Amino acid sequence: MYDIKLKEIMTSPAVTVHVTEEFSAVHEKFLIKGIRHLPVVDGQGRIQGLVTETDFNRVTMPRMTEDGPVYDKTALDRTLLRRVMTPEPCTLCPDDPLSKAVSLMAEHKYGCIPIVDVQGKVIGIVTEIDILKYIRKML
């Protein structure tokens, strides 16, 4: 089970955010796609950083309404993505074994690892949920 290659369990293509996009785009992608991790890429799709829902919540404060939290788009867009993202995140390749991802995630408490090709372009992402789904399938 640990020898399975990441390309067999990763989510691909990964939802990404461009490094120059407005910070409100991060919230929109989290909300619309139902995700918690976004690789940040340049114009060629190469990894520049990673922004997580935890990062987002650390720098924003919603207004609470009867329908739930509401974020002010103008206030969000005053935040620069480059200042919130984790630069140069740990990445792995699609042919790396699952055991390598599990070890890194457990040791460093990562919730995800972006998967990149030899040019550093994001081609997928492996999250804790992807790993749990794989384990569930094997049980």
Foldseek 3Di string as FASTA:
>chain_A
DQQDFQLVQFDFPAAAAEQADFQVVVVVCCVVVVAFKHFYAHPVQAGFFIAGNVLVVVPFDFDQDPVGTDGDSVVSRVDRPVVRTGGPDAAAERRDTNNVVVVVCVVVVDQKHFHADPVRHGGGMDGPVSVVVVVVVVD
